[in-house]
Amino acid sequence: MKAEFNEQALLKGLANNDSKAIETIYKENFTMVQAFILNNNGSYDDARDIFQEAMIALYEKAKSESFVLTSKINTYVYSICRRLWLKRLQQLGRYSNQVDGFEETVQVEEDLEVHEKRNAEFAIMDRALNSLGEPCKSLLEGYYVKKLDMQTLAKDFGYTNADNAKNQKYKCLIRLKKLFFAQYNIGE
């Protein structure tokens, strides 16, 4: 949990231009990126350029309120640098399918836009759920998050039987969908 907090603190520091956070991210990630680029037809200057582009991308994401980092910072930075470097090699005509260090990389989604879109949708769903109100919010969380059965939910929420709880859950789900899509369509 402490490492996760540290990652979030670093991101927040980066978003606020905190030199200590920027320096920490640089120290913890540049050597790894440099090794990858040097092992794959690049120079020290190439590594600095690519790393700088990745830091700018991370900074812009950190400034966005909807951005949720679902991996470690070093995984995210490495994946950005790797994609940028492979794209540059391809442009220079020096790309080969044999890339050193590929086997030991952590798999991350190839398309960061898809990942970011999904994170934005989760944020919209969270806002919709929070604006749903009670007892719907608790009923849906009980069923979908806590995995409670209808008998238990009927008892907890004072419904006469499981069928009544099921009907209420359905009505709440319809309201949640309406709230979600109202906010989702505004964002597009």
Protein backbone atom coordinates (compact mmCIF):
# COMPACT_ATOMS: atom_id res chain seq x y z
CA MET A 1 0.00 0.00 0.00
CA LYS A 2 2.89 2.35 0.78
CA ALA A 3 4.39 1.91 -2.70
CA GLU A 4 1.00 2.71 -4.27
CA PHE A 5 0.74 5.86 -2.15
CA ASN A 6 4.27 6.82 -3.16
CA GLU A 7 3.38 6.39 -6.85
CA GLN A 8 0.30 8.60 -6.42
CA ALA A 9 2.36 11.19 -4.52
CA LEU A 10 4.92 11.21 -7.34
CA LEU A 11 2.19 11.72 -9.94
CA LYS A 12 0.64 14.53 -7.92
CA GLY A 13 4.08 16.10 -7.48
CA LEU A 14 4.73 15.84 -11.21
CA ALA A 15 1.39 17.50 -11.96
CA ASN A 16 2.33 20.33 -9.58
CA ASN A 17 5.84 20.75 -11.08
CA ASP A 18 7.48 19.58 -7.85
CA SER A 19 11.18 19.29 -8.69
CA LYS A 20 11.71 16.53 -6.10
CA ALA A 21 9.01 14.34 -7.69
CA ILE A 22 10.33 15.00 -11.20
CA GLU A 23 13.88 14.17 -10.09
CA THR A 24 12.70 10.96 -8.40
CA ILE A 25 10.82 9.79 -11.50
CA TYR A 26 13.86 10.63 -13.61
CA LYS A 27 16.30 8.77 -11.32
CA GLU A 28 14.07 5.70 -11.05
CA ASN A 29 13.35 5.39 -14.78
CA PHE A 30 15.96 6.94 -17.04
CA THR A 31 18.61 4.20 -16.68
CA MET A 32 16.10 1.53 -17.71
CA VAL A 33 15.02 3.55 -20.78
CA GLN A 34 18.62 4.37 -21.67
CA ALA A 35 19.61 0.68 -21.54
CA PHE A 36 16.69 -0.27 -23.78
CA ILE A 37 17.51 2.38 -26.39
CA LEU A 38 21.28 1.75 -26.34
CA ASN A 39 20.62 -1.99 -26.83
CA ASN A 40 18.36 -1.23 -29.79
CA ASN A 41 20.40 0.91 -32.21
CA GLY A 42 20.18 4.15 -30.24
CA SER A 43 22.47 6.66 -28.58
CA TYR A 44 22.53 8.44 -25.24
CA ASP A 45 21.03 11.54 -26.92
CA ASP A 46 18.24 9.40 -28.40
CA ALA A 47 17.50 8.06 -24.93
CA ARG A 48 17.34 11.58 -23.48
CA ASP A 49 15.01 12.75 -26.26
CA ILE A 50 12.67 9.79 -25.97
CA PHE A 51 12.63 9.96 -22.17
CA GLN A 52 11.84 13.69 -22.32
CA GLU A 53 8.88 12.99 -24.65
CA ALA A 54 7.64 10.31 -22.25
CA MET A 55 7.94 12.67 -19.27
CA ILE A 56 5.91 15.29 -21.13
CA ALA A 57 3.24 12.68 -21.91
CA LEU A 58 3.18 11.54 -18.27
CA TYR A 59 3.02 15.16 -17.08
CA GLU A 60 0.04 15.88 -19.34
CA LYS A 61 -1.71 12.74 -18.10
CA ALA A 62 -0.95 13.57 -14.46
CA LYS A 63 -2.55 17.01 -14.95
CA SER A 64 -5.76 15.39 -16.20
CA GLU A 65 -8.28 14.70 -13.44
CA SER A 66 -9.75 11.74 -15.30
CA PHE A 67 -6.39 9.92 -15.60
CA VAL A 68 -6.05 6.87 -13.38
CA LEU A 69 -2.71 5.08 -13.45
CA THR A 70 -3.36 1.34 -13.30
CA SER A 71 0.27 0.24 -13.45
CA LYS A 72 3.52 1.31 -11.87
CA ILE A 73 5.04 4.54 -13.13
CA ASN A 74 8.09 2.69 -14.46
CA THR A 75 5.88 0.31 -16.46
CA TYR A 76 3.96 3.23 -17.93
CA VAL A 77 7.08 5.27 -18.76
CA TYR A 78 8.84 2.23 -20.23
CA SER A 79 5.87 1.39 -22.45
CA ILE A 80 5.68 4.97 -23.76
CA CYS A 81 9.44 5.09 -24.42
CA ARG A 82 9.39 1.70 -26.10
CA ARG A 83 6.55 2.69 -28.43
CA LEU A 84 8.17 6.05 -29.25
CA TRP A 85 11.55 4.43 -29.94
CA LEU A 86 10.13 1.65 -32.10
CA LYS A 87 8.17 4.25 -34.07
CA ARG A 88 11.34 6.32 -34.56
CA LEU A 89 13.33 3.26 -35.67
CA GLN A 90 10.60 2.45 -38.14
CA GLN A 91 10.72 5.99 -39.53
CA LEU A 92 14.50 5.76 -39.88
CA GLY A 93 14.20 2.38 -41.58
CA ARG A 94 16.24 0.68 -38.83
CA TYR A 95 13.44 -1.29 -37.22
CA SER A 96 13.90 -5.01 -36.96
CA ASN A 97 11.47 -7.38 -35.34
CA GLN A 98 14.25 -8.46 -32.99
CA VAL A 99 14.21 -5.97 -30.12
CA ASP A 100 16.49 -6.56 -27.13
CA GLY A 101 14.76 -6.50 -23.78
CA PHE A 102 11.37 -7.41 -25.21
CA GLU A 103 11.09 -10.70 -23.30
CA GLU A 104 11.47 -9.12 -19.88
CA THR A 105 8.99 -6.31 -20.43
CA VAL A 106 5.71 -6.30 -18.60
CA GLN A 107 2.84 -6.57 -21.05
CA VAL A 108 0.78 -3.40 -21.18
CA GLU A 109 -2.03 -2.53 -23.51
CA GLU A 110 -0.73 -1.60 -26.91
CA ASP A 111 -3.22 1.17 -27.39
CA LEU A 112 -3.02 3.71 -24.58
CA GLU A 113 -6.03 5.56 -26.00
CA VAL A 114 -8.23 2.50 -25.43
CA HIS A 115 -6.90 2.26 -21.88
CA GLU A 116 -7.51 5.95 -21.21
CA LYS A 117 -11.03 5.74 -22.67
CA ARG A 118 -11.83 2.85 -20.35
CA ASN A 119 -10.49 4.82 -17.36
CA ALA A 120 -12.66 7.79 -18.36
CA GLU A 121 -15.69 5.49 -18.58
CA PHE A 122 -14.94 4.14 -15.09
CA ALA A 123 -14.78 7.71 -13.79
CA ILE A 124 -18.14 8.52 -15.42
CA MET A 125 -19.66 5.35 -13.93
CA ASP A 126 -18.33 6.30 -10.49
CA ARG A 127 -19.89 9.78 -10.77
CA ALA A 128 -23.17 8.27 -11.99
CA LEU A 129 -23.19 5.78 -9.11
CA ASN A 130 -22.48 8.54 -6.58
CA SER A 131 -25.29 10.70 -7.97
CA LEU A 132 -27.75 7.77 -7.98
CA GLY A 133 -28.70 8.21 -4.32
CA GLU A 134 -29.87 5.75 -1.71
CA PRO A 135 -31.06 3.02 -1.47
CA CYS A 136 -30.18 2.35 -5.13
CA LYS A 137 -26.45 2.92 -4.69
CA SER A 138 -26.19 0.54 -1.74
CA LEU A 139 -28.47 -2.02 -3.38
CA LEU A 140 -26.40 -2.15 -6.58
CA GLU A 141 -23.13 -2.21 -4.64
CA GLY A 142 -24.49 -5.02 -2.47
CA TYR A 143 -25.38 -7.10 -5.50
CA TYR A 144 -22.53 -6.32 -7.93
CA VAL A 145 -19.62 -5.48 -5.63
CA LYS A 146 -20.31 -7.44 -2.45
CA LYS A 147 -21.95 -10.29 -4.41
CA LEU A 148 -24.86 -10.59 -1.96
CA ASP A 149 -27.79 -12.77 -3.01
CA MET A 150 -31.34 -11.43 -3.41
CA GLN A 151 -32.58 -13.03 -0.17
CA THR A 152 -29.90 -11.20 1.82
CA LEU A 153 -30.56 -7.92 0.01
CA ALA A 154 -34.33 -8.24 0.60
CA LYS A 155 -33.69 -8.72 4.31
CA ASP A 156 -31.09 -5.91 4.54
CA PHE A 157 -33.25 -3.37 2.68
CA GLY A 158 -36.61 -4.38 4.18
CA TYR A 159 -38.25 -5.79 1.05
CA THR A 160 -40.95 -8.41 1.58
CA ASN A 161 -39.20 -11.01 -0.62
CA ALA A 162 -36.33 -11.61 -3.05
CA ASP A 163 -38.50 -10.85 -6.09
CA ASN A 164 -39.27 -7.35 -4.80
CA ALA A 165 -35.56 -6.76 -4.18
CA LYS A 166 -34.82 -8.00 -7.71
CA ASN A 167 -37.40 -5.62 -9.21
CA GLN A 168 -35.98 -2.70 -7.25
CA LYS A 169 -32.44 -3.62 -8.34
CA TYR A 170 -33.63 -3.62 -11.96
CA LYS A 171 -35.23 -0.16 -11.58
CA CYS A 172 -32.03 1.15 -9.96
CA LEU A 173 -29.93 -0.31 -12.76
CA ILE A 174 -32.09 1.44 -15.37
CA ARG A 175 -31.65 4.76 -13.51
CA LEU A 176 -27.89 4.19 -13.29
CA LYS A 177 -27.70 3.51 -17.04
CA LYS A 178 -29.60 6.73 -17.77
CA LEU A 179 -27.26 8.74 -15.53
CA PHE A 180 -24.18 7.10 -17.03
CA PHE A 181 -25.17 7.69 -20.64
CA ALA A 182 -26.30 11.25 -19.94
CA GLN A 183 -22.80 12.04 -18.61
CA TYR A 184 -21.08 9.84 -21.22
CA ASN A 185 -22.74 11.61 -24.14
CA ILE A 186 -21.78 15.02 -22.71
CA GLY A 187 -18.11 13.95 -22.69
CA GLU A 188 -18.09 13.00 -26.38
